[in-house]
Amino acid sequence: MPEAPNGNVTVTIIDGVNTISFYHPAQNSLPAKILDQLCDEIEKAGNNLDTRVIVLKSEGDRTFCAGASFDELLQIKDKEAGAKFFSGFARVINVCRKSPKIIIARIQGKAVGGGVGIAAAADYCLAIQSASIKLSELAIGIGPFVISPAVIRKIGLPSFSQLTIRAVDFQTAAWAKEKGLYNEVYEDISSLDVALDALIRKLASYHPEALSGLKQILWEGTENWDELLSERAAISGALVLSEFTQQALKGFLGRER
């Protein structure tokens, strides 16, 4: 991966498999630019007649996604800008939901906050044993409002409550598999990639219309999410302006640096 101080999104298409990979030097966090690029590439992949299956992944071997960019959150100065930023996560979830192609997520490291939401927006997740998860939003005063419908859809309300209220605690990959976020968990990245390659080859050989029909079934009952997630983005966009959240964000960044 070449140096990309502002992060990037790359795409490869091989034998009907469209692999979309994102990278950011701050633990694969997601600023607005990368969220927009992810939306565009997932939508293009869904409309590409040569694409049979989509793989969503990130670079590196420690963190799948650290969620929202704290640096960018600190730059938000009004509710409109806040709602616009969090709408980026809403758009990614909705574009995954509405894509006619099955989306497989490769979770090669920890997933935090919005990273858990990205995993939940995929149709199937393969992860490694060290890919623990955490919803830290409550600890910084914003709450996981935008991603909550996607996460609850996968793991249910009781597990979501535990993950949210235990905001500073990681839950293991085994826990995530037991609750339904992860579908398969492997010992290391090497074995993960072997299993991923075998799965996507099989999926790419299946009838495209059957896969599209399955996708519709998987997301039944979510037709109101465009409006719902937009409303949730406005809630988070207002909360991020609070003194509590601004100080919490500065505290987190101070510890990291």
Protein backbone atom coordinates (compact mmCIF):
# COMPACT_ATOMS: atom_id res chain seq x y z
CA MET A 1 0.00 0.00 0.00
CA PRO A 2 1.59 3.35 -1.03
CA GLU A 3 1.71 6.25 1.40
CA ALA A 4 -1.70 7.89 1.61
CA PRO A 5 -1.69 10.50 4.39
CA ASN A 6 -5.35 11.33 3.80
CA GLY A 7 -6.44 7.75 3.19
CA ASN A 8 -7.84 6.22 0.03
CA VAL A 9 -10.21 3.68 -1.49
CA THR A 10 -9.04 1.19 -4.11
CA VAL A 11 -10.95 -1.22 -6.32
CA THR A 12 -10.00 -4.43 -8.10
CA ILE A 13 -12.25 -6.62 -10.25
CA ILE A 14 -11.21 -10.19 -10.94
CA ASP A 15 -13.44 -12.98 -12.25
CA GLY A 16 -16.66 -11.29 -11.18
CA VAL A 17 -15.39 -10.37 -7.70
CA ASN A 18 -15.31 -6.63 -7.02
CA THR A 19 -13.02 -5.93 -4.07
CA ILE A 20 -13.34 -2.50 -2.46
CA SER A 21 -10.60 -1.67 0.02
CA PHE A 22 -10.23 1.41 2.22
CA TYR A 23 -7.25 2.75 4.11
CA HIS A 24 -6.50 5.56 6.53
CA PRO A 25 -3.30 5.93 8.57
CA ALA A 26 -5.33 6.62 11.74
CA GLN A 27 -6.40 2.99 12.26
CA ASN A 28 -8.56 3.00 9.15
CA SER A 29 -10.83 5.68 10.56
CA LEU A 30 -13.40 7.17 8.21
CA PRO A 31 -13.38 10.87 7.31
CA ALA A 32 -16.12 12.21 5.06
CA LYS A 33 -14.00 11.86 1.91
CA ILE A 34 -13.50 8.13 2.38
CA LEU A 35 -17.16 7.61 3.32
CA ASP A 36 -18.17 9.33 0.06
CA GLN A 37 -15.71 7.24 -1.95
CA LEU A 38 -16.98 4.03 -0.36
CA CYS A 39 -20.56 4.98 -1.25
CA ASP A 40 -19.62 5.69 -4.86
CA GLU A 41 -17.63 2.50 -5.33
CA ILE A 42 -20.20 0.22 -3.66
CA GLU A 43 -22.93 1.74 -5.81
CA LYS A 44 -20.86 1.34 -8.98
CA ALA A 45 -20.07 -2.26 -8.10
CA GLY A 46 -23.75 -2.97 -7.57
CA ASN A 47 -24.60 -1.57 -11.00
CA ASN A 48 -21.74 -3.34 -12.78
CA LEU A 49 -23.18 -6.25 -14.76
CA ASP A 50 -19.83 -8.05 -14.61
CA THR A 51 -19.79 -8.00 -10.81
CA ARG A 52 -21.15 -11.13 -9.13
CA VAL A 53 -20.08 -10.46 -5.54
CA ILE A 54 -18.57 -7.54 -3.61
CA VAL A 55 -15.81 -7.88 -1.02
CA LEU A 56 -15.43 -5.01 1.44
CA LYS A 57 -12.11 -4.85 3.28
CA SER A 58 -9.51 -2.51 4.75
CA GLU A 59 -5.72 -2.48 4.65
CA GLY A 60 -3.31 -3.38 7.42
CA ASP A 61 -3.39 -6.17 9.97
CA ARG A 62 -4.46 -4.59 13.27
CA THR A 63 -7.67 -2.58 12.85
CA PHE A 64 -10.47 -3.16 10.39
CA CYS A 65 -11.99 0.24 11.11
CA ALA A 66 -11.76 2.68 14.01
CA GLY A 67 -15.01 4.41 13.07
CA ALA A 68 -15.50 8.14 12.62
CA SER A 69 -12.48 10.40 12.23
CA PHE A 70 -12.09 12.22 15.57
CA ASP A 71 -10.02 14.94 13.93
CA GLU A 72 -12.89 15.65 11.58
CA LEU A 73 -15.49 15.51 14.34
CA LEU A 74 -13.63 18.28 16.16
CA GLN A 75 -13.92 20.50 13.07
CA ILE A 76 -17.74 20.39 13.07
CA LYS A 77 -19.11 23.81 14.04
CA ASP A 78 -22.86 23.63 13.44
CA LYS A 79 -25.73 21.13 13.32
CA GLU A 80 -25.90 21.13 9.54
CA ALA A 81 -22.26 20.17 9.21
CA GLY A 82 -22.71 17.53 11.91
CA ALA A 83 -25.70 15.99 10.20
CA LYS A 84 -23.83 16.00 6.88
CA PHE A 85 -20.85 14.16 8.37
CA PHE A 86 -22.91 11.44 10.04
CA SER A 87 -25.01 11.13 6.89
CA GLY A 88 -21.87 9.66 5.34
CA PHE A 89 -22.25 6.59 7.54
CA ALA A 90 -25.97 6.51 6.77
CA ARG A 91 -25.22 6.56 3.04
CA VAL A 92 -22.71 3.71 3.30
CA ILE A 93 -25.18 1.54 5.20
CA ASN A 94 -27.99 2.34 2.80
CA VAL A 95 -25.93 1.78 -0.33
CA CYS A 96 -24.92 -1.63 1.04
CA ARG A 97 -28.55 -2.36 1.85
CA LYS A 98 -29.79 -1.40 -1.60
CA SER A 99 -26.97 -2.98 -3.60
CA PRO A 100 -28.28 -5.89 -5.69
CA LYS A 101 -25.02 -7.75 -5.05
CA ILE A 102 -24.09 -9.82 -2.01
CA ILE A 103 -21.44 -8.02 0.08
CA ILE A 104 -18.85 -10.04 2.00
CA ALA A 105 -16.84 -8.22 4.68
CA ARG A 106 -13.27 -9.25 5.50
CA ILE A 107 -12.65 -8.26 9.14
CA GLN A 108 -8.90 -8.62 9.72
CA GLY A 109 -8.70 -6.55 12.93
CA LYS A 110 -10.61 -4.65 15.56
CA ALA A 111 -13.84 -2.85 14.64
CA VAL A 112 -14.90 0.18 16.67
CA GLY A 113 -17.99 2.40 16.43
CA GLY A 114 -18.78 3.04 12.79
CA GLY A 115 -16.53 0.11 11.90
CA VAL A 116 -19.03 -2.18 13.61
CA GLY A 117 -21.74 -0.48 11.56
CA ILE A 118 -19.84 -1.17 8.33
CA ALA A 119 -19.52 -4.85 9.30
CA ALA A 120 -23.23 -4.98 10.12
CA ALA A 121 -24.09 -3.47 6.74
CA ALA A 122 -22.43 -6.38 4.95
CA ASP A 123 -24.42 -9.51 4.16
CA TYR A 124 -21.80 -11.92 5.48
CA CYS A 125 -18.68 -11.40 7.64
CA LEU A 126 -15.49 -13.41 7.89
CA ALA A 127 -13.19 -12.37 10.74
CA ILE A 128 -10.10 -13.39 12.67
CA GLN A 129 -9.96 -14.28 16.37
CA SER A 130 -8.41 -10.94 17.34
CA ALA A 131 -11.14 -8.93 15.57
CA SER A 132 -12.82 -7.72 18.75
CA ILE A 133 -15.55 -5.09 18.61
CA LYS A 134 -16.61 -2.05 20.60
CA LEU A 135 -19.26 0.66 20.38
CA SER A 136 -17.52 3.56 22.12
CA GLU A 137 -19.93 6.32 21.06
CA LEU A 138 -21.68 6.65 24.42
CA ALA A 139 -18.33 7.33 26.08
CA ILE A 140 -17.80 10.38 23.89
CA GLY A 141 -21.38 11.61 24.16
CA ILE A 142 -22.85 10.89 20.74
CA GLY A 143 -24.32 7.39 20.89
CA PRO A 144 -24.35 4.87 18.00
CA PHE A 145 -27.59 6.26 16.60
CA VAL A 146 -26.89 6.04 12.86
CA ILE A 147 -25.53 2.51 12.89
CA SER A 148 -27.93 1.12 15.50
CA PRO A 149 -30.57 -0.19 13.04
CA ALA A 150 -27.93 -2.17 11.14
CA VAL A 151 -26.29 -3.53 14.28
CA ILE A 152 -29.58 -4.43 15.96
CA ARG A 153 -30.68 -6.19 12.78
CA LYS A 154 -27.66 -8.48 13.10
CA ILE A 155 -27.25 -9.06 16.85
CA GLY A 156 -30.62 -8.14 18.39
CA LEU A 157 -31.56 -5.50 20.94
CA PRO A 158 -30.23 -7.20 24.13
CA SER A 159 -26.75 -7.69 22.64
CA PHE A 160 -26.79 -4.18 21.19
CA SER A 161 -27.67 -2.85 24.65
CA GLN A 162 -24.70 -4.67 26.17
CA LEU A 163 -22.34 -3.46 23.46
CA THR A 164 -23.55 0.12 23.81
CA ILE A 165 -23.72 0.39 27.59
CA ARG A 166 -20.33 -1.31 27.98
CA ALA A 167 -18.96 1.45 25.78
CA VAL A 168 -15.32 1.20 26.86
CA ASP A 169 -15.13 -2.60 26.77
CA PHE A 170 -14.19 -4.71 23.79
CA GLN A 171 -16.19 -7.85 23.09
CA THR A 172 -14.35 -10.77 21.52
CA ALA A 173 -14.73 -12.05 17.97
CA ALA A 174 -16.21 -15.23 19.48
CA TRP A 175 -18.88 -13.05 21.15
CA ALA A 176 -19.55 -11.28 17.85
CA LYS A 177 -19.97 -14.65 16.13
CA GLU A 178 -22.25 -16.00 18.85
CA LYS A 179 -24.46 -12.90 18.58
CA GLY A 180 -24.61 -12.98 14.76
CA LEU A 181 -22.39 -10.11 13.59
CA TYR A 182 -19.63 -12.42 12.37
CA ASN A 183 -20.53 -15.55 10.44
CA GLU A 184 -17.13 -17.25 10.47
CA VAL A 185 -14.05 -16.68 12.64
CA TYR A 186 -10.52 -17.86 11.78
CA GLU A 187 -7.27 -18.15 13.70
CA ASP A 188 -5.28 -15.72 11.56
CA ILE A 189 -5.36 -13.61 8.41
CA SER A 190 -3.84 -16.35 6.27
CA SER A 191 -6.60 -18.84 7.07
CA LEU A 192 -9.18 -16.08 6.78
CA ASP A 193 -8.06 -15.27 3.25
CA VAL A 194 -8.07 -18.92 2.20
CA ALA A 195 -11.68 -19.26 3.40
CA LEU A 196 -12.66 -15.92 1.82
CA ASP A 197 -11.22 -16.91 -1.54
CA ALA A 198 -13.09 -20.22 -1.52
CA LEU A 199 -16.37 -18.52 -0.56
CA ILE A 200 -16.27 -15.76 -3.16
CA ARG A 201 -15.33 -18.21 -5.92
CA LYS A 202 -18.44 -20.24 -5.10
CA LEU A 203 -20.66 -17.17 -4.92
CA ALA A 204 -19.32 -15.83 -8.21
CA SER A 205 -20.37 -19.09 -9.88
CA TYR A 206 -24.00 -18.88 -8.71
CA HIS A 207 -26.94 -17.53 -10.72
CA PRO A 208 -26.83 -13.70 -10.49
CA GLU A 209 -30.61 -13.41 -10.28
CA ALA A 210 -30.74 -15.94 -7.44
CA LEU A 211 -28.13 -13.94 -5.54
CA SER A 212 -30.05 -10.72 -6.16
CA GLY A 213 -33.26 -12.34 -4.97
CA LEU A 214 -31.54 -13.55 -1.81
CA LYS A 215 -30.26 -10.03 -1.20
CA GLN A 216 -33.80 -8.68 -1.26
CA ILE A 217 -34.92 -11.28 1.27
CA LEU A 218 -32.01 -10.53 3.59
CA TRP A 219 -33.01 -6.86 3.81
CA GLU A 220 -36.80 -7.18 4.00
CA GLY A 221 -38.39 -4.69 6.37
CA THR A 222 -35.71 -2.00 6.00
CA GLU A 223 -37.43 0.05 3.32
CA ASN A 224 -37.71 3.11 5.59
CA TRP A 225 -34.01 3.33 6.34
CA ASP A 226 -33.25 6.26 4.03
CA GLU A 227 -35.43 8.48 6.20
CA LEU A 228 -34.64 6.74 9.50
CA LEU A 229 -30.86 6.97 9.20
CA SER A 230 -31.07 10.57 8.04
CA GLU A 231 -33.00 11.42 11.21
CA ARG A 232 -30.41 9.57 13.31
CA ALA A 233 -27.58 11.48 11.59
CA ALA A 234 -29.18 14.76 12.64
CA ILE A 235 -29.29 13.58 16.28
CA SER A 236 -25.59 12.69 16.29
CA GLY A 237 -24.77 15.86 14.39
CA ALA A 238 -26.30 17.97 17.15
CA LEU A 239 -24.74 16.01 20.02
CA VAL A 240 -21.21 16.29 18.62
CA LEU A 241 -21.36 20.06 19.24
CA SER A 242 -21.77 19.64 23.01
CA GLU A 243 -18.99 20.65 25.36
CA PHE A 244 -19.01 17.13 26.80
CA THR A 245 -18.34 15.53 23.42
CA GLN A 246 -15.74 18.08 22.33
CA GLN A 247 -13.74 17.56 25.53
CA ALA A 248 -14.10 13.77 25.31
CA LEU A 249 -12.82 13.78 21.73
CA LYS A 250 -9.82 15.92 22.69
CA GLY A 251 -9.12 13.55 25.55
CA PHE A 252 -9.16 10.49 23.31
CA LEU A 253 -6.91 12.17 20.74
CA GLY A 254 -4.55 13.29 23.48
CA ARG A 255 -4.12 9.71 24.73
CA GLU A 256 -3.53 8.41 21.20
CA ARG A 257 -0.82 11.00 20.51
